Protein backbone atom coordinates (compact mmCIF):
# COMPACT_ATOMS: atom_id res chain seq x y z
CA UNK A 1 20.74 24.93 12.35
CA UNK A 2 18.46 22.97 13.55
CA UNK A 3 19.63 20.66 16.27
CA UNK A 4 19.65 16.75 16.51
CA UNK A 5 18.62 14.58 18.65
CA UNK A 6 19.26 10.88 19.76
CA UNK A 7 17.44 8.45 20.72
CA UNK A 8 16.97 4.69 21.08
CA UNK A 9 19.84 4.36 17.63
CA UNK A 10 18.27 7.07 16.06
CA UNK A 11 19.51 10.26 14.69
CA UNK A 12 17.02 13.13 13.66
CA UNK A 13 17.14 16.92 13.37
CA UNK A 14 14.06 18.72 15.14
CA UNK A 15 12.41 19.73 12.26
CA UNK A 16 10.88 16.65 10.51
CA UNK A 17 7.07 15.42 10.81
CA UNK A 18 7.18 11.90 11.75
CA UNK A 19 3.79 10.19 13.00
CA UNK A 20 3.82 8.50 16.36
CA UNK A 21 3.20 5.16 14.50
CA UNK A 22 6.62 5.32 12.79
CA UNK A 23 8.93 1.86 13.95
CA UNK A 24 12.58 1.65 13.36
CA UNK A 25 15.72 -0.20 13.70
CA UNK A 26 19.23 0.89 15.54
CA UNK A 27 21.51 2.99 13.92
CA UNK A 28 19.17 5.56 11.53
CA UNK A 29 19.21 8.92 10.35
CA UNK A 30 17.21 11.96 9.35
CA UNK A 31 17.88 14.61 7.58
CA UNK A 32 16.02 17.96 8.04
CA UNK A 33 12.20 18.25 6.77
CA UNK A 34 11.32 14.98 6.66
CA UNK A 35 7.53 13.34 6.45
CA UNK A 36 6.97 10.55 7.84
CA UNK A 37 3.20 9.30 7.47
CA UNK A 38 1.26 6.45 9.61
CA UNK A 39 2.29 2.73 9.45
CA UNK A 40 6.09 3.18 8.18
CA UNK A 41 8.46 0.72 9.03
CA UNK A 42 12.39 1.01 8.28
CA UNK A 43 15.01 -1.47 9.50
CA UNK A 44 18.30 -1.07 11.03
CA UNK A 45 21.56 0.72 9.22
CA UNK A 46 18.94 3.39 7.18
CA UNK A 47 20.00 6.88 5.90
CA UNK A 48 17.47 9.15 5.25
CA UNK A 49 18.64 12.36 4.02
CA UNK A 50 16.81 16.04 3.38
CA UNK A 51 12.87 16.74 2.06
CA UNK A 52 12.08 13.06 1.89
CA UNK A 53 8.40 11.82 1.74
CA UNK A 54 7.08 8.41 3.22
CA UNK A 55 3.81 8.04 2.54
CA UNK A 56 1.63 5.86 4.74
CA UNK A 57 2.60 1.76 4.62
CA UNK A 58 5.89 2.17 3.25
CA UNK A 59 8.42 -0.35 4.25
CA UNK A 60 12.36 -0.25 3.99
CA UNK A 61 14.45 -3.31 4.65
CA UNK A 62 18.15 -2.87 6.72
CA UNK A 63 20.96 -1.18 5.14
CA UNK A 64 19.53 1.39 2.96
CA UNK A 65 20.25 4.81 1.52
CA UNK A 66 17.46 7.41 0.44
CA UNK A 67 18.83 10.27 -0.85
CA UNK A 68 17.49 13.55 -0.67
CA UNK A 69 14.08 14.20 -1.77
CA UNK A 70 12.78 10.92 -2.42
CA UNK A 71 8.75 10.36 -2.39
CA UNK A 72 7.25 7.10 -1.79
CA UNK A 73 3.71 7.05 -2.82
CA UNK A 74 2.98 4.15 -0.15
CA UNK A 75 1.67 0.69 0.17
CA UNK A 76 5.20 -0.42 -1.45
CA UNK A 77 8.04 -2.15 0.22
CA UNK A 78 12.39 -1.17 -0.57
CA UNK A 79 14.57 -4.44 0.39
CA UNK A 80 17.81 -4.49 2.02
CA UNK A 81 20.87 -2.68 0.81
CA UNK A 82 19.19 -0.25 -1.65
CA UNK A 83 20.24 2.84 -2.69
CA UNK A 84 17.66 5.56 -4.16
CA UNK A 85 19.07 8.25 -5.12
CA UNK A 86 18.31 12.35 -5.11
CA UNK A 87 14.62 13.12 -6.53
CA UNK A 88 13.71 9.26 -7.03
CA UNK A 89 10.01 8.64 -6.81
CA UNK A 90 8.80 5.25 -4.95
CA UNK A 91 4.79 4.56 -6.11
CA UNK A 92 2.01 2.88 -4.68
CA UNK A 93 2.55 -1.36 -4.76
CA UNK A 94 5.69 -1.56 -5.51
CA UNK A 95 8.01 -3.85 -4.66
CA UNK A 96 11.62 -3.48 -4.72
CA UNK A 97 14.29 -6.40 -3.72
CA UNK A 98 17.73 -6.75 -2.41
CA UNK A 99 20.35 -5.00 -3.18
CA UNK A 100 18.78 -2.83 -6.13
CA UNK A 101 20.25 1.05 -7.20
CA UNK A 102 17.47 3.48 -8.19
CA UNK A 103 19.37 6.30 -10.35
CA UNK A 104 18.62 10.31 -9.70
CA UNK A 105 14.91 11.44 -11.00
CA UNK A 106 13.70 7.65 -11.83
CA UNK A 107 10.27 7.29 -11.37
CA UNK A 108 7.62 4.46 -10.89
CA UNK A 109 4.15 4.71 -12.05
CA UNK A 110 1.31 3.42 -9.81
CA UNK A 111 -1.47 3.60 -12.85
CA UNK A 112 -2.16 3.99 -16.37
CA UNK A 113 -3.41 6.86 -17.93
CA UNK A 114 -7.14 5.42 -17.51
CA UNK A 115 -6.89 4.76 -13.79
CA UNK A 116 -6.20 1.28 -14.14
CA UNK A 117 -4.08 -0.57 -11.55
CA UNK A 118 -3.06 -3.52 -13.14
CA UNK A 119 -1.12 -5.84 -11.20
CA UNK A 120 2.14 -5.13 -8.55
CA UNK A 121 5.30 -3.47 -10.62
CA UNK A 122 8.28 -6.32 -9.30
CA UNK A 123 12.06 -4.76 -9.44
CA UNK A 124 14.27 -7.64 -8.80
CA UNK A 125 17.41 -8.28 -7.00
CA UNK A 126 20.56 -6.60 -8.16
CA UNK A 127 19.23 -4.51 -10.38
CA UNK A 128 20.22 -1.02 -11.55
CA UNK A 129 18.49 1.91 -13.24
CA UNK A 130 19.35 4.44 -14.81
CA UNK A 131 18.91 8.50 -14.35
CA UNK A 132 15.46 9.13 -14.94
CA UNK A 133 14.07 6.50 -16.63
CA UNK A 134 10.18 5.92 -15.94
CA UNK A 135 9.14 2.48 -15.20
CA UNK A 136 5.15 1.87 -15.73
CA UNK A 137 2.19 -0.02 -13.46
CA UNK A 138 2.36 -3.32 -13.34
CA UNK A 139 5.80 -4.04 -14.66
CA UNK A 140 8.13 -6.86 -13.63
CA UNK A 141 11.94 -6.87 -13.93
CA UNK A 142 14.24 -9.88 -13.47
CA UNK A 143 17.53 -9.99 -11.22
CA UNK A 144 20.52 -8.27 -12.26
CA UNK A 145 18.83 -6.50 -14.91
CA UNK A 146 20.25 -2.92 -15.99
CA UNK A 147 17.65 -0.28 -17.38
CA UNK A 148 19.23 2.55 -19.01
CA UNK A 149 19.46 6.04 -18.29
CA UNK A 150 16.26 7.67 -19.82
CA UNK A 151 14.55 4.58 -20.95
CA UNK A 152 10.55 4.15 -20.73
CA UNK A 153 10.21 0.67 -19.76
CA UNK A 154 6.02 -0.25 -20.52
CA UNK A 155 6.96 -4.58 -20.73
CA UNK A 156 8.88 -6.58 -18.27
CA UNK A 157 12.08 -7.39 -18.42
CA UNK A 158 12.72 -10.64 -18.12
CA UNK A 159 16.12 -11.74 -19.62
CA UNK A 160 18.15 -11.94 -16.19
CA UNK A 161 21.80 -9.86 -16.64
CA UNK A 162 19.97 -8.18 -19.48
CA UNK A 163 20.95 -4.57 -20.55
CA UNK A 164 17.12 -2.31 -21.42
CA UNK A 165 17.36 0.56 -22.97
CA UNK A 166 15.35 3.02 -25.20
CA UNK A 167 12.02 4.76 -25.44
CA UNK A 168 10.17 2.29 -25.16
CA UNK A 169 13.18 -0.07 -23.58
CA UNK A 170 14.14 -2.72 -25.86
CA UNK A 171 16.55 -5.81 -24.60
CA UNK A 172 19.90 -4.64 -26.27
CA UNK A 173 22.27 -7.37 -24.66
């Protein structure tokens, strides 16, 4: 069993790999075996569970919960009051606004099969993304949208409060 240490409002297990440039707010906690690379910043009241990877340039706001086995490819931003559940992958250049819930095993993608990146992916305020959904690169999802479980989002979801489901995802309500 690993010992915990508490300093500057952070509770962290000793078997984590944390870069010395890591910056954090108050009341943060970390599980075991997390890897935090350089230039990562998290806000206040953030819980990060076990086996989480946060690559260079990841930004996480206040009051967030990051579940076990979540991976951030870096150079992305997660807003305030977000929940990212077990096994989700947040790709490079993804912007997640406030109040977003990302279910287990959701994947965002950085580039297309030809290696083309395009514009940033934007996930709006209060969006819910169902289990195992895949969000292609360069997608915009408007505020209050619901993405159904196992959906493949390959086009913008711009209907405020819309429900998108399927492979590919289509507006159904």
